[in-house]
């Protein structure tokens, strides 16, 4: 699985709060965001079923 980069816009207060939480959890902000996204996906899939993702080759067409 390839690791991709994602840029987001986030207001300063939310970013500061994210850093407080990630510091408390002894993680980087990036790792904390990955955990939050993973939890969101798990919750969605528990409610709606597994998300099927097409491979990269079929997305290019």
PDB file of N, CA and C in Angstrom:
ATOM      1  N   UNK A   1       0.856  -1.176   0.000  1.00  0.00           N
ATOM      2  CA  UNK A   1       0.000   0.000   0.000  1.00  0.00           C
ATOM      3  C   UNK A   1       0.903   1.240   0.000  1.00  0.00           C
ATOM      4  N   UNK A   2       0.675   2.108  -0.948  1.00  0.00           N
ATOM      5  CA  UNK A   2       1.451   3.342  -1.047  1.00  0.00           C
ATOM      6  C   UNK A   2       0.987   4.340   0.014  1.00  0.00           C
ATOM      7  N   UNK A   3       1.926   5.112   0.500  1.00  0.00           N
ATOM      8  CA  UNK A   3       1.599   6.170   1.457  1.00  0.00           C
ATOM      9  C   UNK A   3       1.503   7.467   0.673  1.00  0.00           C
ATOM     10  N   UNK A   4       0.379   8.145   0.781  1.00  0.00           N
ATOM     11  CA  UNK A   4       0.132   9.389   0.060  1.00  0.00           C
ATOM     12  C   UNK A   4       0.166  10.562   1.028  1.00  0.00           C
ATOM     13  N   UNK A   5       0.377  11.727   0.502  1.00  0.00           N
ATOM     14  CA  UNK A   5       0.390  12.954   1.283  1.00  0.00           C
ATOM     15  C   UNK A   5      -0.923  13.698   1.054  1.00  0.00           C
ATOM     16  N   UNK A   6      -1.435  14.318   2.119  1.00  0.00           N
ATOM     17  CA  UNK A   6      -2.683  15.062   2.035  1.00  0.00           C
ATOM     18  C   UNK A   6      -2.493  16.384   2.771  1.00  0.00           C
ATOM     19  N   UNK A   7      -2.809  17.454   2.109  1.00  0.00           N
ATOM     20  CA  UNK A   7      -2.722  18.775   2.724  1.00  0.00           C
ATOM     21  C   UNK A   7      -4.125  19.220   3.123  1.00  0.00           C
ATOM     22  N   UNK A   8      -4.269  19.736   4.344  1.00  0.00           N
ATOM     23  CA  UNK A   8      -5.581  20.215   4.786  1.00  0.00           C
ATOM     24  C   UNK A   8      -5.463  21.633   5.311  1.00  0.00           C
ATOM     25  N   UNK A   9      -6.587  22.334   5.296  1.00  0.00           N
ATOM     26  CA  UNK A   9      -6.660  23.649   5.918  1.00  0.00           C
ATOM     27  C   UNK A   9      -7.396  23.457   7.237  1.00  0.00           C
ATOM     28  N   UNK A  10      -6.846  24.019   8.294  1.00  0.00           N
ATOM     29  CA  UNK A  10      -7.420  23.848   9.627  1.00  0.00           C
ATOM     30  C   UNK A  10      -7.230  25.148  10.392  1.00  0.00           C
ATOM     31  N   UNK A  11      -8.262  25.556  11.132  1.00  0.00           N
ATOM     32  CA  UNK A  11      -8.095  26.819  11.853  1.00  0.00           C
ATOM     33  C   UNK A  11      -7.116  26.628  13.016  1.00  0.00           C
ATOM     34  N   UNK A  12      -6.512  27.719  13.407  1.00  0.00           N
ATOM     35  CA  UNK A  12      -5.413  27.688  14.375  1.00  0.00           C
ATOM     36  C   UNK A  12      -5.822  27.082  15.715  1.00  0.00           C
ATOM     37  N   UNK A  13      -7.012  27.428  16.200  1.00  0.00           N
ATOM     38  CA  UNK A  13      -7.449  26.898  17.494  1.00  0.00           C
ATOM     39  C   UNK A  13      -7.611  25.379  17.444  1.00  0.00           C
ATOM     40  N   UNK A  14      -8.187  24.876  16.359  1.00  0.00           N
ATOM     41  CA  UNK A  14      -8.365  23.431  16.221  1.00  0.00           C
ATOM     42  C   UNK A  14      -7.007  22.730  16.138  1.00  0.00           C
ATOM     43  N   UNK A  15      -6.083  23.310  15.409  1.00  0.00           N
ATOM     44  CA  UNK A  15      -4.743  22.745  15.304  1.00  0.00           C
ATOM     45  C   UNK A  15      -4.052  22.734  16.662  1.00  0.00           C
ATOM     46  N   UNK A  16      -4.163  23.821  17.409  1.00  0.00           N
ATOM     47  CA  UNK A  16      -3.570  23.875  18.752  1.00  0.00           C
ATOM     48  C   UNK A  16      -4.151  22.785  19.650  1.00  0.00           C
ATOM     49  N   UNK A  17      -5.464  22.572  19.563  1.00  0.00           N
ATOM     50  CA  UNK A  17      -6.106  21.541  20.373  1.00  0.00           C
ATOM     51  C   UNK A  17      -5.662  20.149  19.934  1.00  0.00           C
ATOM     52  N   UNK A  18      -5.496  19.954  18.633  1.00  0.00           N
ATOM     53  CA  UNK A  18      -4.987  18.678  18.137  1.00  0.00           C
ATOM     54  C   UNK A  18      -3.597  18.397  18.704  1.00  0.00           C
ATOM     55  N   UNK A  19      -2.758  19.420  18.748  1.00  0.00           N
ATOM     56  CA  UNK A  19      -1.410  19.242  19.295  1.00  0.00           C
ATOM     57  C   UNK A  19      -1.444  18.901  20.784  1.00  0.00           C
ATOM     58  N   UNK A  20      -2.354  19.481  21.525  1.00  0.00           N
ATOM     59  CA  UNK A  20      -2.497  19.151  22.955  1.00  0.00           C
ATOM     60  C   UNK A  20      -2.861  17.677  23.111  1.00  0.00           C
ATOM     61  N   UNK A  21      -3.840  17.229  22.329  1.00  0.00           N
ATOM     62  CA  UNK A  21      -4.275  15.834  22.410  1.00  0.00           C
ATOM     63  C   UNK A  21      -3.163  14.893  21.975  1.00  0.00           C
ATOM     64  N   UNK A  22      -2.514  15.185  20.872  1.00  0.00           N
ATOM     65  CA  UNK A  22      -1.453  14.300  20.383  1.00  0.00           C
ATOM     66  C   UNK A  22      -0.274  14.262  21.346  1.00  0.00           C
ATOM     67  N   UNK A  23       0.060  15.392  21.957  1.00  0.00           N
ATOM     68  CA  UNK A  23       1.120  15.398  22.973  1.00  0.00           C
ATOM     69  C   UNK A  23       0.725  14.538  24.165  1.00  0.00           C
ATOM     70  N   UNK A  24      -0.520  14.648  24.601  1.00  0.00           N
ATOM     71  CA  UNK A  24      -1.016  13.860  25.723  1.00  0.00           C
ATOM     72  C   UNK A  24      -0.938  12.359  25.411  1.00  0.00           C
ATOM     73  N   UNK A  25      -1.274  11.994  24.176  1.00  0.00           N
ATOM     74  CA  UNK A  25      -1.244  10.592  23.741  1.00  0.00           C
ATOM     75  C   UNK A  25       0.159  10.135  23.342  1.00  0.00           C
ATOM     76  N   UNK A  26       1.130  11.055  23.424  1.00  0.00           N
ATOM     77  CA  UNK A  26       2.525  10.797  23.051  1.00  0.00           C
ATOM     78  C   UNK A  26       2.641  10.343  21.594  1.00  0.00           C
ATOM     79  N   UNK A  27       1.940  11.077  20.748  1.00  0.00           N
ATOM     80  CA  UNK A  27       1.971  10.830  19.306  1.00  0.00           C
ATOM     81  C   UNK A  27       2.262  12.140  18.587  1.00  0.00           C
ATOM     82  N   UNK A  28       2.656  12.008  17.339  1.00  0.00           N
ATOM     83  CA  UNK A  28       2.758  13.195  16.494  1.00  0.00           C
ATOM     84  C   UNK A  28       1.336  13.584  16.078  1.00  0.00           C
ATOM     85  N   UNK A  29       1.172  14.804  15.639  1.00  0.00           N
ATOM     86  CA  UNK A  29      -0.129  15.245  15.145  1.00  0.00           C
ATOM     87  C   UNK A  29      -0.539  14.393  13.943  1.00  0.00           C
ATOM     88  N   UNK A  30       0.402  14.051  13.085  1.00  0.00           N
ATOM     89  CA  UNK A  30       0.106  13.210  11.927  1.00  0.00           C
ATOM     90  C   UNK A  30      -0.428  11.850  12.368  1.00  0.00           C
ATOM     91  N   UNK A  31       0.234  11.222  13.329  1.00  0.00           N
ATOM     92  CA  UNK A  31      -0.226   9.917  13.823  1.00  0.00           C
ATOM     93  C   UNK A  31      -1.608  10.020  14.450  1.00  0.00           C
ATOM     94  N   UNK A  32      -1.855  11.111  15.162  1.00  0.00           N
ATOM     95  CA  UNK A  32      -3.165  11.303  15.778  1.00  0.00           C
ATOM     96  C   UNK A  32      -4.254  11.438  14.714  1.00  0.00           C
ATOM     97  N   UNK A  33      -3.971  12.159  13.654  1.00  0.00           N
ATOM     98  CA  UNK A  33      -4.928  12.318  12.562  1.00  0.00           C
ATOM     99  C   UNK A  33      -5.206  10.978  11.899  1.00  0.00           C
ATOM    100  N   UNK A  34      -4.169  10.167  11.680  1.00  0.00           N
ATOM    101  CA  UNK A  34      -4.347   8.834  11.086  1.00  0.00           C
ATOM    102  C   UNK A  34      -5.267   7.990  11.958  1.00  0.00           C
ATOM    103  N   UNK A  35      -5.076   8.031  13.269  1.00  0.00           N
ATOM    104  CA  UNK A  35      -5.926   7.274  14.189  1.00  0.00           C
ATOM    105  C   UNK A  35      -7.363   7.764  14.104  1.00  0.00           C
ATOM    106  N   UNK A  36      -7.570   9.071  14.073  1.00  0.00           N
ATOM    107  CA  UNK A  36      -8.922   9.621  13.972  1.00  0.00           C
ATOM    108  C   UNK A  36      -9.597   9.207  12.664  1.00  0.00           C
ATOM    109  N   UNK A  37      -8.864   9.241  11.566  1.00  0.00           N
ATOM    110  CA  UNK A  37      -9.419   8.826  10.282  1.00  0.00           C
ATOM    111  C   UNK A  37      -9.745   7.337  10.307  1.00  0.00           C
ATOM    112  N   UNK A  38      -8.825   6.521  10.841  1.00  0.00           N
ATOM    113  CA  UNK A  38      -9.059   5.076  10.929  1.00  0.00           C
ATOM    114  C   UNK A  38     -10.315   4.782  11.756  1.00  0.00           C
ATOM    115  N   UNK A  39     -10.467   5.475  12.888  1.00  0.00           N
ATOM    116  CA  UNK A  39     -11.659   5.285  13.727  1.00  0.00           C
ATOM    117  C   UNK A  39     -12.929   5.667  12.979  1.00  0.00           C
ATOM    118  N   UNK A  40     -12.878   6.747  12.239  1.00  0.00           N
ATOM    119  CA  UNK A  40     -14.025   7.199  11.453  1.00  0.00           C
ATOM    120  C   UNK A  40     -14.411   6.150  10.410  1.00  0.00           C
ATOM    121  N   UNK A  41     -13.428   5.594   9.725  1.00  0.00           N
ATOM    122  CA  UNK A  41     -13.690   4.570   8.712  1.00  0.00           C
ATOM    123  C   UNK A  41     -14.277   3.321   9.363  1.00  0.00           C
ATOM    124  N   UNK A  42     -13.707   2.901  10.499  1.00  0.00           N
ATOM    125  CA  UNK A  42     -14.226   1.716  11.196  1.00  0.00           C
ATOM    126  C   UNK A  42     -15.676   1.921  11.633  1.00  0.00           C
ATOM    127  N   UNK A  43     -15.996   3.094  12.156  1.00  0.00           N
ATOM    128  CA  UNK A  43     -17.371   3.390  12.568  1.00  0.00           C
ATOM    129  C   UNK A  43     -18.315   3.375  11.361  1.00  0.00           C
ATOM    130  N   UNK A  44     -17.897   3.975  10.267  1.00  0.00           N
ATOM    131  CA  UNK A  44     -18.720   4.009   9.056  1.00  0.00           C
ATOM    132  C   UNK A  44     -18.973   2.589   8.557  1.00  0.00           C
ATOM    133  N   UNK A  45     -17.898   1.789   8.476  1.00  0.00           N
ATOM    134  CA  UNK A  45     -18.042   0.438   7.957  1.00  0.00           C
ATOM    135  C   UNK A  45     -18.877  -0.443   8.884  1.00  0.00           C
ATOM    136  N   UNK A  46     -18.799  -0.224  10.193  1.00  0.00           N
ATOM    137  CA  UNK A  46     -19.621  -0.986  11.131  1.00  0.00           C
ATOM    138  C   UNK A  46     -21.100  -0.701  10.893  1.00  0.00           C
ATOM    139  N   UNK A  47     -21.411   0.515  10.518  1.00  0.00           N
ATOM    140  CA  UNK A  47     -22.798   0.919  10.297  1.00  0.00           C
ATOM    141  C   UNK A  47     -23.285   0.606   8.885  1.00  0.00           C
ATOM    142  N   UNK A  48     -22.414   0.796   7.883  1.00  0.00           N
ATOM    143  CA  UNK A  48     -22.829   0.731   6.477  1.00  0.00           C
ATOM    144  C   UNK A  48     -22.214  -0.421   5.685  1.00  0.00           C
ATOM    145  N   UNK A  49     -21.309  -1.161   6.265  1.00  0.00           N
ATOM    146  CA  UNK A  49     -20.629  -2.241   5.544  1.00  0.00           C
ATOM    147  C   UNK A  49     -19.281  -1.798   5.013  1.00  0.00           C
ATOM    148  N   UNK A  50     -18.516  -2.770   4.591  1.00  0.00           N
ATOM    149  CA  UNK A  50     -17.159  -2.529   4.108  1.00  0.00           C
ATOM    150  C   UNK A  50     -17.158  -1.619   2.888  1.00  0.00           C
ATOM    151  N   UNK A  51     -16.251  -0.681   2.888  1.00  0.00           N
ATOM    152  CA  UNK A  51     -16.064   0.214   1.744  1.00  0.00           C
ATOM    153  C   UNK A  51     -15.168  -0.508   0.739  1.00  0.00           C
ATOM    154  N   UNK A  52     -15.620  -0.617  -0.487  1.00  0.00           N
ATOM    155  CA  UNK A  52     -14.817  -1.225  -1.538  1.00  0.00           C
ATOM    156  C   UNK A  52     -14.149  -0.110  -2.326  1.00  0.00           C
ATOM    157  N   UNK A  53     -12.835  -0.209  -2.443  1.00  0.00           N
ATOM    158  CA  UNK A  53     -12.058   0.814  -3.148  1.00  0.00           C
ATOM    159  C   UNK A  53     -11.457   0.180  -4.391  1.00  0.00           C
ATOM    160  N   UNK A  54     -11.634   0.843  -5.535  1.00  0.00           N
ATOM    161  CA  UNK A  54     -11.048   0.359  -6.775  1.00  0.00           C
ATOM    162  C   UNK A  54      -9.550   0.544  -6.722  1.00  0.00           C
ATOM    163  N   UNK A  55      -8.824  -0.289  -7.472  1.00  0.00           N
ATOM    164  CA  UNK A  55      -7.368  -0.124  -7.533  1.00  0.00           C
ATOM    165  C   UNK A  55      -7.008   1.123  -8.335  1.00  0.00           C
ATOM    166  N   UNK A  56      -5.779   1.558  -8.195  1.00  0.00           N
ATOM    167  CA  UNK A  56      -5.326   2.801  -8.839  1.00  0.00           C
ATOM    168  C   UNK A  56      -5.422   2.769 -10.346  1.00  0.00           C
ATOM    169  N   UNK A  57      -5.183   1.610 -10.969  1.00  0.00           N
ATOM    170  CA  UNK A  57      -5.224   1.528 -12.436  1.00  0.00           C
ATOM    171  C   UNK A  57      -6.612   1.847 -12.976  1.00  0.00           C
ATOM    172  N   UNK A  58      -7.648   1.366 -12.309  1.00  0.00           N
ATOM    173  CA  UNK A  58      -9.003   1.619 -12.805  1.00  0.00           C
ATOM    174  C   UNK A  58      -9.461   3.042 -12.523  1.00  0.00           C
ATOM    175  N   UNK A  59      -8.844   3.728 -11.560  1.00  0.00           N
ATOM    176  CA  UNK A  59      -9.204   5.120 -11.271  1.00  0.00           C
ATOM    177  C   UNK A  59      -8.683   6.073 -12.341  1.00  0.00           C
ATOM    178  N   UNK A  60      -7.610   5.666 -13.030  1.00  0.00           N
ATOM    179  CA  UNK A  60      -6.983   6.549 -14.011  1.00  0.00           C
ATOM    180  C   UNK A  60      -7.768   6.643 -15.309  1.00  0.00           C
ATOM    181  N   UNK A  61      -8.657   5.692 -15.570  1.00  0.00           N
ATOM    182  CA  UNK A  61      -9.381   5.707 -16.840  1.00  0.00           C
ATOM    183  C   UNK A  61     -10.592   6.587 -16.813  1.00  0.00           C
TER     184      UNK A  61
END
